[in-house]
Each structure stands twice: as structure tokens, then as C-alpha cells.
Amino acid sequence: MNDESDIQFIIQQILNDYRAGRLKYYLHEKSRLYLKQEGISASKVLKLAIAQLPTSHFYRGPSDHHWLPKFVVYEFIELNHGVNLYVKFDVGPEYTQLESYHPQEKALNVTWFFH
């Protein structure tokens, strides 16, 4: 996936799942520790991730999910209060899941796709 229309389609699917109440979160330990450190609830971070998604930088995807069959992973970098945040969504046939939300740790080794 590297076409602007493909990325916009996935972003719309994630936003639609959020609006329809089909966006869940299952955050990894790194993300949970970051939220605790910042005093942010998981429901608040879900709203933050969605609010920034339309202006985020597409990073990588689609990738098969390691343990959720029929789910595809999409990764973004979002700028929030001067911090680049790594955000990972798992998109499935019945719902979308926010999996990661924490500061970017590594330099990106791919060309960013701006939209």
C-alpha cells in the first residue's frame, strides 16, 4: 500500500469503526506504561489517536497480524504536543483495534508518506 487513495480508504475505515463504536483498544505494555506516566486514560488516548489520524504520517502496512487471523496492521506516526507518537491499528472484518500508542523510539527506515 503506497497509494494516497488506499491510505485514505484505511483511515476512513478506522474513523468509521470509531464512530460506530467498533474501535477497541488492546494496548501493549509499552503503551500502558506511557499512558500511566502521562496520566492519560485508554479511552482518552483512543480519542487522541483518532483526532490526529487524518493528519498523521503513514508509516507502514498493510502487514498480517501475528495472532489475530483476518486482521491487518497499519502503522502511523502522529505528532501530539511536539512528540512523535508511534500508533498501530489492527483492522479486522468486524472491528478495529488500537494496539500501540507511545513515543517513537527508532529512526524511521522508510520514506514517509505524507497526506
PDB file of N, CA and C in Angstrom:
ATOM      1  N   MET A   1       0.850  -1.174   0.000  1.00  0.00           N
ATOM      2  CA  MET A   1       0.000   0.000   0.000  1.00  0.00           C
ATOM      3  C   MET A   1       0.892   1.231   0.000  1.00  0.00           C
ATOM      4  N   ASN A   2       0.796   2.011  -1.007  1.00  0.00           N
ATOM      5  CA  ASN A   2       1.547   3.263  -1.026  1.00  0.00           C
ATOM      6  C   ASN A   2       0.810   4.314  -1.815  1.00  0.00           C
ATOM      7  N   ASP A   3      -0.385   4.029  -2.189  1.00  0.00           N
ATOM      8  CA  ASP A   3      -1.196   4.950  -2.959  1.00  0.00           C
ATOM      9  C   ASP A   3      -2.044   5.796  -2.009  1.00  0.00           C
ATOM     10  N   GLU A   4      -2.081   7.075  -2.253  1.00  0.00           N
ATOM     11  CA  GLU A   4      -2.843   8.006  -1.418  1.00  0.00           C
ATOM     12  C   GLU A   4      -4.283   7.544  -1.204  1.00  0.00           C
ATOM     13  N   SER A   5      -4.939   7.058  -2.245  1.00  0.00           N
ATOM     14  CA  SER A   5      -6.337   6.642  -2.103  1.00  0.00           C
ATOM     15  C   SER A   5      -6.462   5.403  -1.216  1.00  0.00           C
ATOM     16  N   ASP A   6      -5.504   4.478  -1.277  1.00  0.00           N
ATOM     17  CA  ASP A   6      -5.523   3.312  -0.390  1.00  0.00           C
ATOM     18  C   ASP A   6      -5.410   3.734   1.068  1.00  0.00           C
ATOM     19  N   ILE A   7      -4.507   4.648   1.346  1.00  0.00           N
ATOM     20  CA  ILE A   7      -4.300   5.105   2.714  1.00  0.00           C
ATOM     21  C   ILE A   7      -5.520   5.864   3.210  1.00  0.00           C
ATOM     22  N   GLN A   8      -6.075   6.717   2.372  1.00  0.00           N
ATOM     23  CA  GLN A   8      -7.284   7.443   2.765  1.00  0.00           C
ATOM     24  C   GLN A   8      -8.441   6.488   3.028  1.00  0.00           C
ATOM     25  N   PHE A   9      -8.535   5.404   2.254  1.00  0.00           N
ATOM     26  CA  PHE A   9      -9.583   4.404   2.462  1.00  0.00           C
ATOM     27  C   PHE A   9      -9.437   3.757   3.838  1.00  0.00           C
ATOM     28  N   ILE A  10      -8.219   3.368   4.212  1.00  0.00           N
ATOM     29  CA  ILE A  10      -7.987   2.743   5.514  1.00  0.00           C
ATOM     30  C   ILE A  10      -8.269   3.725   6.641  1.00  0.00           C
ATOM     31  N   ILE A  11      -7.830   4.963   6.485  1.00  0.00           N
ATOM     32  CA  ILE A  11      -8.113   5.974   7.511  1.00  0.00           C
ATOM     33  C   ILE A  11      -9.617   6.128   7.679  1.00  0.00           C
ATOM     34  N   GLN A  12     -10.362   6.177   6.578  1.00  0.00           N
ATOM     35  CA  GLN A  12     -11.827   6.289   6.668  1.00  0.00           C
ATOM     36  C   GLN A  12     -12.434   5.062   7.338  1.00  0.00           C
ATOM     37  N   GLN A  13     -11.907   3.886   7.060  1.00  0.00           N
ATOM     38  CA  GLN A  13     -12.419   2.674   7.696  1.00  0.00           C
ATOM     39  C   GLN A  13     -12.202   2.728   9.208  1.00  0.00           C
ATOM     40  N   ILE A  14     -11.018   3.164   9.628  1.00  0.00           N
ATOM     41  CA  ILE A  14     -10.726   3.293  11.063  1.00  0.00           C
ATOM     42  C   ILE A  14     -11.663   4.323  11.697  1.00  0.00           C
ATOM     43  N   LEU A  15     -11.826   5.475  11.044  1.00  0.00           N
ATOM     44  CA  LEU A  15     -12.719   6.516  11.568  1.00  0.00           C
ATOM     45  C   LEU A  15     -14.167   6.030  11.634  1.00  0.00           C
ATOM     46  N   ASN A  16     -14.602   5.315  10.616  1.00  0.00           N
ATOM     47  CA  ASN A  16     -15.968   4.777  10.606  1.00  0.00           C
ATOM     48  C   ASN A  16     -16.172   3.773  11.742  1.00  0.00           C
ATOM     49  N   ASP A  17     -15.187   2.909  11.959  1.00  0.00           N
ATOM     50  CA  ASP A  17     -15.290   1.954  13.070  1.00  0.00           C
ATOM     51  C   ASP A  17     -15.365   2.698  14.402  1.00  0.00           C
ATOM     52  N   TYR A  18     -14.612   3.771  14.549  1.00  0.00           N
ATOM     53  CA  TYR A  18     -14.655   4.562  15.780  1.00  0.00           C
ATOM     54  C   TYR A  18     -16.049   5.169  15.979  1.00  0.00           C
ATOM     55  N   ARG A  19     -16.555   5.803  14.943  1.00  0.00           N
ATOM     56  CA  ARG A  19     -17.890   6.435  15.041  1.00  0.00           C
ATOM     57  C   ARG A  19     -18.990   5.424  15.334  1.00  0.00           C
ATOM     58  N   ALA A  20     -18.838   4.205  14.822  1.00  0.00           N
ATOM     59  CA  ALA A  20     -19.857   3.158  15.007  1.00  0.00           C
ATOM     60  C   ALA A  20     -19.636   2.362  16.294  1.00  0.00           C
ATOM     61  N   GLY A  21     -18.647   2.729  17.093  1.00  0.00           N
ATOM     62  CA  GLY A  21     -18.378   2.020  18.336  1.00  0.00           C
ATOM     63  C   GLY A  21     -17.688   0.686  18.140  1.00  0.00           C
ATOM     64  N   ARG A  22     -17.050   0.517  16.984  1.00  0.00           N
ATOM     65  CA  ARG A  22     -16.347  -0.737  16.687  1.00  0.00           C
ATOM     66  C   ARG A  22     -14.834  -0.578  16.784  1.00  0.00           C
ATOM     67  N   LEU A  23     -14.367   0.428  17.508  1.00  0.00           N
ATOM     68  CA  LEU A  23     -12.933   0.602  17.709  1.00  0.00           C
ATOM     69  C   LEU A  23     -12.623   0.300  19.168  1.00  0.00           C
ATOM     70  N   LYS A  24     -11.793  -0.698  19.378  1.00  0.00           N
ATOM     71  CA  LYS A  24     -11.420  -1.141  20.714  1.00  0.00           C
ATOM     72  C   LYS A  24      -9.947  -0.835  20.941  1.00  0.00           C
ATOM     73  N   TYR A  25      -9.490  -1.100  22.137  1.00  0.00           N
ATOM     74  CA  TYR A  25      -8.060  -0.982  22.376  1.00  0.00           C
ATOM     75  C   TYR A  25      -7.565  -2.185  23.162  1.00  0.00           C
ATOM     76  N   TYR A  26      -6.414  -2.634  22.774  1.00  0.00           N
ATOM     77  CA  TYR A  26      -5.674  -3.674  23.470  1.00  0.00           C
ATOM     78  C   TYR A  26      -4.228  -3.222  23.415  1.00  0.00           C
ATOM     79  N   LEU A  27      -3.836  -2.423  24.385  1.00  0.00           N
ATOM     80  CA  LEU A  27      -2.531  -1.775  24.352  1.00  0.00           C
ATOM     81  C   LEU A  27      -1.438  -2.657  24.951  1.00  0.00           C
ATOM     82  N   HIS A  28      -0.296  -2.660  24.273  1.00  0.00           N
ATOM     83  CA  HIS A  28       0.874  -3.378  24.769  1.00  0.00           C
ATOM     84  C   HIS A  28       1.430  -2.676  26.002  1.00  0.00           C
ATOM     85  N   GLU A  29       2.287  -3.377  26.721  1.00  0.00           N
ATOM     86  CA  GLU A  29       2.861  -2.868  27.968  1.00  0.00           C
ATOM     87  C   GLU A  29       3.550  -1.508  27.787  1.00  0.00           C
ATOM     88  N   LYS A  30       4.295  -1.353  26.705  1.00  0.00           N
ATOM     89  CA  LYS A  30       4.993  -0.088  26.455  1.00  0.00           C
ATOM     90  C   LYS A  30       4.006   1.075  26.383  1.00  0.00           C
ATOM     91  N   SER A  31       2.889   0.839  25.726  1.00  0.00           N
ATOM     92  CA  SER A  31       1.858   1.878  25.615  1.00  0.00           C
ATOM     93  C   SER A  31       1.181   2.126  26.962  1.00  0.00           C
ATOM     94  N   ARG A  32       0.886   1.073  27.696  1.00  0.00           N
ATOM     95  CA  ARG A  32       0.248   1.228  29.010  1.00  0.00           C
ATOM     96  C   ARG A  32       1.153   2.011  29.962  1.00  0.00           C
ATOM     97  N   LEU A  33       2.454   1.731  29.931  1.00  0.00           N
ATOM     98  CA  LEU A  33       3.390   2.466  30.781  1.00  0.00           C
ATOM     99  C   LEU A  33       3.435   3.950  30.396  1.00  0.00           C
ATOM    100  N   TYR A  34       3.426   4.232  29.091  1.00  0.00           N
ATOM    101  CA  TYR A  34       3.431   5.622  28.631  1.00  0.00           C
ATOM    102  C   TYR A  34       2.167   6.351  29.105  1.00  0.00           C
ATOM    103  N   LEU A  35       1.019   5.712  28.974  1.00  0.00           N
ATOM    104  CA  LEU A  35      -0.232   6.341  29.406  1.00  0.00           C
ATOM    105  C   LEU A  35      -0.219   6.598  30.911  1.00  0.00           C
ATOM    106  N   LYS A  36       0.281   5.644  31.665  1.00  0.00           N
ATOM    107  CA  LYS A  36       0.360   5.822  33.115  1.00  0.00           C
ATOM    108  C   LYS A  36       1.278   6.987  33.461  1.00  0.00           C
ATOM    109  N   GLN A  37       2.436   7.043  32.806  1.00  0.00           N
ATOM    110  CA  GLN A  37       3.406   8.120  33.036  1.00  0.00           C
ATOM    111  C   GLN A  37       2.798   9.487  32.733  1.00  0.00           C
ATOM    112  N   GLU A  38       2.006   9.556  31.661  1.00  0.00           N
ATOM    113  CA  GLU A  38       1.413  10.824  31.233  1.00  0.00           C
ATOM    114  C   GLU A  38       0.066  11.114  31.901  1.00  0.00           C
ATOM    115  N   GLY A  39      -0.469  10.137  32.630  1.00  0.00           N
ATOM    116  CA  GLY A  39      -1.761  10.322  33.286  1.00  0.00           C
ATOM    117  C   GLY A  39      -2.917  10.388  32.297  1.00  0.00           C
ATOM    118  N   ILE A  40      -2.836   9.584  31.236  1.00  0.00           N
ATOM    119  CA  ILE A  40      -3.858   9.572  30.192  1.00  0.00           C
ATOM    120  C   ILE A  40      -4.596   8.242  30.250  1.00  0.00           C
ATOM    121  N   SER A  41      -5.917   8.288  30.224  1.00  0.00           N
ATOM    122  CA  SER A  41      -6.700   7.050  30.213  1.00  0.00           C
ATOM    123  C   SER A  41      -6.690   6.439  28.814  1.00  0.00           C
ATOM    124  N   ALA A  42      -6.979   5.152  28.741  1.00  0.00           N
ATOM    125  CA  ALA A  42      -7.024   4.470  27.443  1.00  0.00           C
ATOM    126  C   ALA A  42      -8.130   5.046  26.567  1.00  0.00           C
ATOM    127  N   SER A  43      -9.266   5.393  27.150  1.00  0.00           N
ATOM    128  CA  SER A  43     -10.345   5.969  26.337  1.00  0.00           C
ATOM    129  C   SER A  43      -9.947   7.348  25.803  1.00  0.00           C
ATOM    130  N   LYS A  44      -9.213   8.119  26.595  1.00  0.00           N
ATOM    131  CA  LYS A  44      -8.735   9.433  26.140  1.00  0.00           C
ATOM    132  C   LYS A  44      -7.720   9.263  25.003  1.00  0.00           C
ATOM    133  N   VAL A  45      -6.812   8.286  25.126  1.00  0.00           N
ATOM    134  CA  VAL A  45      -5.810   8.093  24.080  1.00  0.00           C
ATOM    135  C   VAL A  45      -6.471   7.637  22.788  1.00  0.00           C
ATOM    136  N   LEU A  46      -7.542   6.890  22.897  1.00  0.00           N
ATOM    137  CA  LEU A  46      -8.282   6.479  21.706  1.00  0.00           C
ATOM    138  C   LEU A  46      -8.805   7.716  20.968  1.00  0.00           C
ATOM    139  N   LYS A  47      -9.343   8.660  21.709  1.00  0.00           N
ATOM    140  CA  LYS A  47      -9.830   9.911  21.107  1.00  0.00           C
ATOM    141  C   LYS A  47      -8.683  10.717  20.500  1.00  0.00           C
ATOM    142  N   LEU A  48      -7.543  10.763  21.193  1.00  0.00           N
ATOM    143  CA  LEU A  48      -6.373  11.486  20.675  1.00  0.00           C
ATOM    144  C   LEU A  48      -5.860  10.854  19.382  1.00  0.00           C
ATOM    145  N   ALA A  49      -5.753   9.536  19.376  1.00  0.00           N
ATOM    146  CA  ALA A  49      -5.256   8.831  18.188  1.00  0.00           C
ATOM    147  C   ALA A  49      -6.175   9.070  16.991  1.00  0.00           C
ATOM    148  N   ILE A  50      -7.474   9.046  17.222  1.00  0.00           N
ATOM    149  CA  ILE A  50      -8.444   9.261  16.146  1.00  0.00           C
ATOM    150  C   ILE A  50      -8.402  10.706  15.669  1.00  0.00           C
ATOM    151  N   ALA A  51      -8.292  11.640  16.600  1.00  0.00           N
ATOM    152  CA  ALA A  51      -8.263  13.061  16.223  1.00  0.00           C
ATOM    153  C   ALA A  51      -7.063  13.390  15.344  1.00  0.00           C
ATOM    154  N   GLN A  52      -5.915  12.755  15.610  1.00  0.00           N
ATOM    155  CA  GLN A  52      -4.689  13.027  14.858  1.00  0.00           C
ATOM    156  C   GLN A  52      -4.561  12.207  13.582  1.00  0.00           C
ATOM    157  N   LEU A  53      -5.354  11.149  13.449  1.00  0.00           N
ATOM    158  CA  LEU A  53      -5.196  10.227  12.323  1.00  0.00           C
ATOM    159  C   LEU A  53      -5.272  10.898  10.950  1.00  0.00           C
ATOM    160  N   PRO A  54      -6.236  11.792  10.700  1.00  0.00           N
ATOM    161  CA  PRO A  54      -6.312  12.398   9.360  1.00  0.00           C
ATOM    162  C   PRO A  54      -5.077  13.214   8.955  1.00  0.00           C
ATOM    163  N   THR A  55      -4.293  13.682   9.919  1.00  0.00           N
ATOM    164  CA  THR A  55      -3.095  14.464   9.589  1.00  0.00           C
ATOM    165  C   THR A  55      -1.810  13.723   9.955  1.00  0.00           C
ATOM    166  N   SER A  56      -1.926  12.429  10.240  1.00  0.00           N
ATOM    167  CA  SER A  56      -0.760  11.641  10.618  1.00  0.00           C
ATOM    168  C   SER A  56       0.098  11.325   9.400  1.00  0.00           C
ATOM    169  N   HIS A  57       1.248  10.748   9.657  1.00  0.00           N
ATOM    170  CA  HIS A  57       2.137  10.276   8.606  1.00  0.00           C
ATOM    171  C   HIS A  57       1.991   8.766   8.526  1.00  0.00           C
ATOM    172  N   PHE A  58       1.580   8.265   7.370  1.00  0.00           N
ATOM    173  CA  PHE A  58       1.501   6.819   7.187  1.00  0.00           C
ATOM    174  C   PHE A  58       2.915   6.270   7.252  1.00  0.00           C
ATOM    175  N   TYR A  59       3.106   5.236   8.043  1.00  0.00           N
ATOM    176  CA  TYR A  59       4.450   4.684   8.229  1.00  0.00           C
ATOM    177  C   TYR A  59       4.614   3.340   7.541  1.00  0.00           C
ATOM    178  N   ARG A  60       3.737   2.381   7.855  1.00  0.00           N
ATOM    179  CA  ARG A  60       3.959   1.052   7.316  1.00  0.00           C
ATOM    180  C   ARG A  60       2.644   0.269   7.316  1.00  0.00           C
ATOM    181  N   GLY A  61       2.503  -0.621   6.342  1.00  0.00           N
ATOM    182  CA  GLY A  61       1.349  -1.510   6.270  1.00  0.00           C
ATOM    183  C   GLY A  61       0.894  -1.634   4.834  1.00  0.00           C
ATOM    184  N   PRO A  62       0.021  -2.513   4.557  1.00  0.00           N
ATOM    185  CA  PRO A  62      -0.577  -3.464   5.480  1.00  0.00           C
ATOM    186  C   PRO A  62       0.372  -4.619   5.780  1.00  0.00           C
ATOM    187  N   SER A  63       0.267  -5.133   7.011  1.00  0.00           N
ATOM    188  CA  SER A  63       1.026  -6.299   7.441  1.00  0.00           C
ATOM    189  C   SER A  63       0.053  -7.264   8.103  1.00  0.00           C
ATOM    190  N   ASP A  64       0.281  -8.550   7.931  1.00  0.00           N
ATOM    191  CA  ASP A  64      -0.553  -9.528   8.617  1.00  0.00           C
ATOM    192  C   ASP A  64      -0.330  -9.417  10.120  1.00  0.00           C
ATOM    193  N   HIS A  65      -1.393  -9.601  10.882  1.00  0.00           N
ATOM    194  CA  HIS A  65      -1.289  -9.587  12.336  1.00  0.00           C
ATOM    195  C   HIS A  65      -0.715 -10.923  12.796  1.00  0.00           C
ATOM    196  N   HIS A  66       0.109 -10.902  13.848  1.00  0.00           N
ATOM    197  CA  HIS A  66       0.787 -12.114  14.307  1.00  0.00           C
ATOM    198  C   HIS A  66      -0.145 -13.128  14.964  1.00  0.00           C
ATOM    199  N   TRP A  67      -1.161 -12.669  15.676  1.00  0.00           N
ATOM    200  CA  TRP A  67      -2.013 -13.633  16.374  1.00  0.00           C
ATOM    201  C   TRP A  67      -3.506 -13.432  16.160  1.00  0.00           C
ATOM    202  N   LEU A  68      -3.912 -12.420  15.438  1.00  0.00           N
ATOM    203  CA  LEU A  68      -5.332 -12.227  15.129  1.00  0.00           C
ATOM    204  C   LEU A  68      -5.571 -12.560  13.654  1.00  0.00           C
ATOM    205  N   PRO A  69      -6.144 -13.715  13.382  1.00  0.00           N
ATOM    206  CA  PRO A  69      -6.411 -14.053  11.980  1.00  0.00           C
ATOM    207  C   PRO A  69      -7.400 -13.067  11.370  1.00  0.00           C
ATOM    208  N   LYS A  70      -7.231 -12.785  10.110  1.00  0.00           N
ATOM    209  CA  LYS A  70      -8.088 -11.868   9.346  1.00  0.00           C
ATOM    210  C   LYS A  70      -7.889 -10.396   9.704  1.00  0.00           C
ATOM    211  N   PHE A  71      -6.900 -10.075  10.543  1.00  0.00           N
ATOM    212  CA  PHE A  71      -6.607  -8.683  10.874  1.00  0.00           C
ATOM    213  C   PHE A  71      -5.359  -8.232  10.124  1.00  0.00           C
ATOM    214  N   VAL A  72      -5.356  -6.955   9.751  1.00  0.00           N
ATOM    215  CA  VAL A  72      -4.236  -6.356   9.040  1.00  0.00           C
ATOM    216  C   VAL A  72      -3.762  -5.156   9.856  1.00  0.00           C
ATOM    217  N   VAL A  73      -2.455  -4.984   9.946  1.00  0.00           N
ATOM    218  CA  VAL A  73      -1.850  -3.949  10.771  1.00  0.00           C
ATOM    219  C   VAL A  73      -1.436  -2.751   9.909  1.00  0.00           C
ATOM    220  N   TYR A  74      -1.749  -1.550  10.417  1.00  0.00           N
ATOM    221  CA  TYR A  74      -1.338  -0.292   9.784  1.00  0.00           C
ATOM    222  C   TYR A  74      -0.690   0.568  10.858  1.00  0.00           C
ATOM    223  N   GLU A  75       0.457   1.158  10.514  1.00  0.00           N
ATOM    224  CA  GLU A  75       1.216   1.943  11.470  1.00  0.00           C
ATOM    225  C   GLU A  75       1.341   3.389  10.998  1.00  0.00           C
ATOM    226  N   PHE A  76       1.234   4.298  11.948  1.00  0.00           N
ATOM    227  CA  PHE A  76       1.287   5.728  11.670  1.00  0.00           C
ATOM    228  C   PHE A  76       2.201   6.403  12.685  1.00  0.00           C
ATOM    229  N   ILE A  77       2.673   7.584  12.336  1.00  0.00           N
ATOM    230  CA  ILE A  77       3.364   8.469  13.264  1.00  0.00           C
ATOM    231  C   ILE A  77       2.490   9.709  13.388  1.00  0.00           C
ATOM    232  N   GLU A  78       2.104  10.017  14.619  1.00  0.00           N
ATOM    233  CA  GLU A  78       1.266  11.181  14.879  1.00  0.00           C
ATOM    234  C   GLU A  78       2.044  12.176  15.731  1.00  0.00           C
ATOM    235  N   LEU A  79       1.906  13.435  15.415  1.00  0.00           N
ATOM    236  CA  LEU A  79       2.525  14.494  16.203  1.00  0.00           C
ATOM    237  C   LEU A  79       1.503  14.997  17.204  1.00  0.00           C
ATOM    238  N   ASN A  80       1.848  14.918  18.498  1.00  0.00           N
ATOM    239  CA  ASN A  80       0.935  15.383  19.535  1.00  0.00           C
ATOM    240  C   ASN A  80       1.749  16.119  20.600  1.00  0.00           C
ATOM    241  N   HIS A  81       1.492  17.409  20.751  1.00  0.00           N
ATOM    242  CA  HIS A  81       2.197  18.258  21.714  1.00  0.00           C
ATOM    243  C   HIS A  81       3.713  18.180  21.526  1.00  0.00           C
ATOM    244  N   GLY A  82       4.151  18.197  20.272  1.00  0.00           N
ATOM    245  CA  GLY A  82       5.571  18.210  19.952  1.00  0.00           C
ATOM    246  C   GLY A  82       6.266  16.867  20.036  1.00  0.00           C
ATOM    247  N   VAL A  83       5.512  15.791  20.250  1.00  0.00           N
ATOM    248  CA  VAL A  83       6.092  14.454  20.376  1.00  0.00           C
ATOM    249  C   VAL A  83       5.610  13.586  19.213  1.00  0.00           C
ATOM    250  N   ASN A  84       6.545  12.919  18.534  1.00  0.00           N
ATOM    251  CA  ASN A  84       6.168  11.945  17.511  1.00  0.00           C
ATOM    252  C   ASN A  84       5.750  10.661  18.210  1.00  0.00           C
ATOM    253  N   LEU A  85       4.517  10.264  17.988  1.00  0.00           N
ATOM    254  CA  LEU A  85       3.975   9.066  18.613  1.00  0.00           C
ATOM    255  C   LEU A  85       3.786   7.969  17.586  1.00  0.00           C
ATOM    256  N   TYR A  86       4.196   6.766  17.949  1.00  0.00           N
ATOM    257  CA  TYR A  86       4.011   5.588  17.122  1.00  0.00           C
ATOM    258  C   TYR A  86       2.622   5.033  17.446  1.00  0.00           C
ATOM    259  N   VAL A  87       1.798   4.884  16.407  1.00  0.00           N
ATOM    260  CA  VAL A  87       0.416   4.445  16.589  1.00  0.00           C
ATOM    261  C   VAL A  87       0.156   3.269  15.655  1.00  0.00           C
ATOM    262  N   LYS A  88      -0.342   2.175  16.241  1.00  0.00           N
ATOM    263  CA  LYS A  88      -0.598   0.976  15.450  1.00  0.00           C
ATOM    264  C   LYS A  88      -2.068   0.585  15.589  1.00  0.00           C
ATOM    265  N   PHE A  89      -2.719   0.420  14.435  1.00  0.00           N
ATOM    266  CA  PHE A  89      -4.103  -0.041  14.386  1.00  0.00           C
ATOM    267  C   PHE A  89      -4.159  -1.413  13.746  1.00  0.00           C
ATOM    268  N   ASP A  90      -4.993  -2.285  14.303  1.00  0.00           N
ATOM    269  CA  ASP A  90      -5.271  -3.597  13.728  1.00  0.00           C
ATOM    270  C   ASP A  90      -6.673  -3.521  13.141  1.00  0.00           C
ATOM    271  N   VAL A  91      -6.792  -3.685  11.844  1.00  0.00           N
ATOM    272  CA  VAL A  91      -8.076  -3.551  11.158  1.00  0.00           C
ATOM    273  C   VAL A  91      -8.580  -4.941  10.794  1.00  0.00           C
ATOM    274  N   GLY A  92      -9.777  -5.258  11.281  1.00  0.00           N
ATOM    275  CA  GLY A  92     -10.364  -6.565  11.028  1.00  0.00           C
ATOM    276  C   GLY A  92     -11.734  -6.456  10.388  1.00  0.00           C
ATOM    277  N   PRO A  93     -12.342  -7.590  10.106  1.00  0.00           N
ATOM    278  CA  PRO A  93     -13.635  -7.581   9.415  1.00  0.00           C
ATOM    279  C   PRO A  93     -14.795  -7.072  10.275  1.00  0.00           C
ATOM    280  N   GLU A  94     -14.680  -7.175  11.611  1.00  0.00           N
ATOM    281  CA  GLU A  94     -15.792  -6.773  12.475  1.00  0.00           C
ATOM    282  C   GLU A  94     -15.487  -5.565  13.353  1.00  0.00           C
ATOM    283  N   TYR A  95     -14.210  -5.262  13.558  1.00  0.00           N
ATOM    284  CA  TYR A  95     -13.829  -4.111  14.374  1.00  0.00           C
ATOM    285  C   TYR A  95     -12.373  -3.748  14.110  1.00  0.00           C
ATOM    286  N   THR A  96     -11.973  -2.585  14.610  1.00  0.00           N
ATOM    287  CA  THR A  96     -10.591  -2.118  14.559  1.00  0.00           C
ATOM    288  C   THR A  96     -10.095  -2.019  15.988  1.00  0.00           C
ATOM    289  N   GLN A  97      -8.803  -2.240  16.161  1.00  0.00           N
ATOM    290  CA  GLN A  97      -8.213  -2.213  17.497  1.00  0.00           C
ATOM    291  C   GLN A  97      -6.990  -1.308  17.500  1.00  0.00           C
ATOM    292  N   LEU A  98      -6.897  -0.442  18.504  1.00  0.00           N
ATOM    293  CA  LEU A  98      -5.689   0.343  18.737  1.00  0.00           C
ATOM    294  C   LEU A  98      -4.752  -0.516  19.565  1.00  0.00           C
ATOM    295  N   GLU A  99      -3.559  -0.781  19.048  1.00  0.00           N
ATOM    296  CA  GLU A  99      -2.624  -1.691  19.715  1.00  0.00           C
ATOM    297  C   GLU A  99      -1.459  -0.959  20.361  1.00  0.00           C
ATOM    298  N   SER A 100      -0.970   0.109  19.738  1.00  0.00           N
ATOM    299  CA  SER A 100       0.199   0.821  20.271  1.00  0.00           C
ATOM    300  C   SER A 100      -0.022   2.326  20.187  1.00  0.00           C
ATOM    301  N   TYR A 101       0.457   3.025  21.229  1.00  0.00           N
ATOM    302  CA  TYR A 101       0.427   4.478  21.271  1.00  0.00           C
ATOM    303  C   TYR A 101       1.503   4.893  22.271  1.00  0.00           C
ATOM    304  N   HIS A 102       2.674   5.249  21.746  1.00  0.00           N
ATOM    305  CA  HIS A 102       3.793   5.647  22.597  1.00  0.00           C
ATOM    306  C   HIS A 102       4.783   6.439  21.761  1.00  0.00           C
ATOM    307  N   PRO A 103       5.704   7.147  22.401  1.00  0.00           N
ATOM    308  CA  PRO A 103       6.687   7.926  21.634  1.00  0.00           C
ATOM    309  C   PRO A 103       7.484   7.036  20.681  1.00  0.00           C
ATOM    310  N   GLN A 104       7.762   7.598  19.534  1.00  0.00           N
ATOM    311  CA  GLN A 104       8.587   6.910  18.526  1.00  0.00           C
ATOM    312  C   GLN A 104       9.958   6.671  19.131  1.00  0.00           C
ATOM    313  N   GLU A 105      10.454   5.444  19.010  1.00  0.00           N
ATOM    314  CA  GLU A 105      11.732   5.101  19.616  1.00  0.00           C
ATOM    315  C   GLU A 105      12.874   5.005  18.624  1.00  0.00           C
ATOM    316  N   LYS A 106      12.569   4.600  17.413  1.00  0.00           N
ATOM    317  CA  LYS A 106      13.609   4.363  16.421  1.00  0.00           C
ATOM    318  C   LYS A 106      13.459   5.336  15.264  1.00  0.00           C
ATOM    319  N   ALA A 107      14.582   5.619  14.638  1.00  0.00           N
ATOM    320  CA  ALA A 107      14.523   6.423  13.413  1.00  0.00           C
ATOM    321  C   ALA A 107      13.818   5.592  12.347  1.00  0.00           C
ATOM    322  N   LEU A 108      12.999   6.233  11.565  1.00  0.00           N
ATOM    323  CA  LEU A 108      12.272   5.528  10.526  1.00  0.00           C
ATOM    324  C   LEU A 108      13.229   5.151   9.408  1.00  0.00           C
ATOM    325  N   ASN A 109      13.099   3.926   8.932  1.00  0.00           N
ATOM    326  CA  ASN A 109      13.992   3.470   7.876  1.00  0.00           C
ATOM    327  C   ASN A 109      13.267   3.357   6.538  1.00  0.00           C
ATOM    328  N   VAL A 110      12.160   4.045   6.434  1.00  0.00           N
ATOM    329  CA  VAL A 110      11.391   4.065   5.184  1.00  0.00           C
ATOM    330  C   VAL A 110      11.023   5.509   4.880  1.00  0.00           C
ATOM    331  N   THR A 111      10.680   5.747   3.634  1.00  0.00           N
ATOM    332  CA  THR A 111      10.216   7.080   3.250  1.00  0.00           C
ATOM    333  C   THR A 111       8.821   7.286   3.800  1.00  0.00           C
ATOM    334  N   TRP A 112       8.585   8.410   4.402  1.00  0.00           N
ATOM    335  CA  TRP A 112       7.266   8.722   4.953  1.00  0.00           C
ATOM    336  C   TRP A 112       6.319   9.033   3.821  1.00  0.00           C
ATOM    337  N   PHE A 113       5.093   8.703   4.026  1.00  0.00           N
ATOM    338  CA  PHE A 113       4.034   9.067   3.077  1.00  0.00           C
ATOM    339  C   PHE A 113       3.218  10.158   3.744  1.00  0.00           C
ATOM    340  N   PHE A 114       3.247  11.355   3.189  1.00  0.00           N
ATOM    341  CA  PHE A 114       2.509  12.487   3.757  1.00  0.00           C
ATOM    342  C   PHE A 114       1.140  12.560   3.101  1.00  0.00           C
ATOM    343  N   HIS A 115       0.150  12.829   3.887  1.00  0.00           N
ATOM    344  CA  HIS A 115      -1.202  13.048   3.348  1.00  0.00           C
ATOM    345  C   HIS A 115      -1.893  14.134   4.132  1.00  0.00           C
TER     346      HIS A 115
END
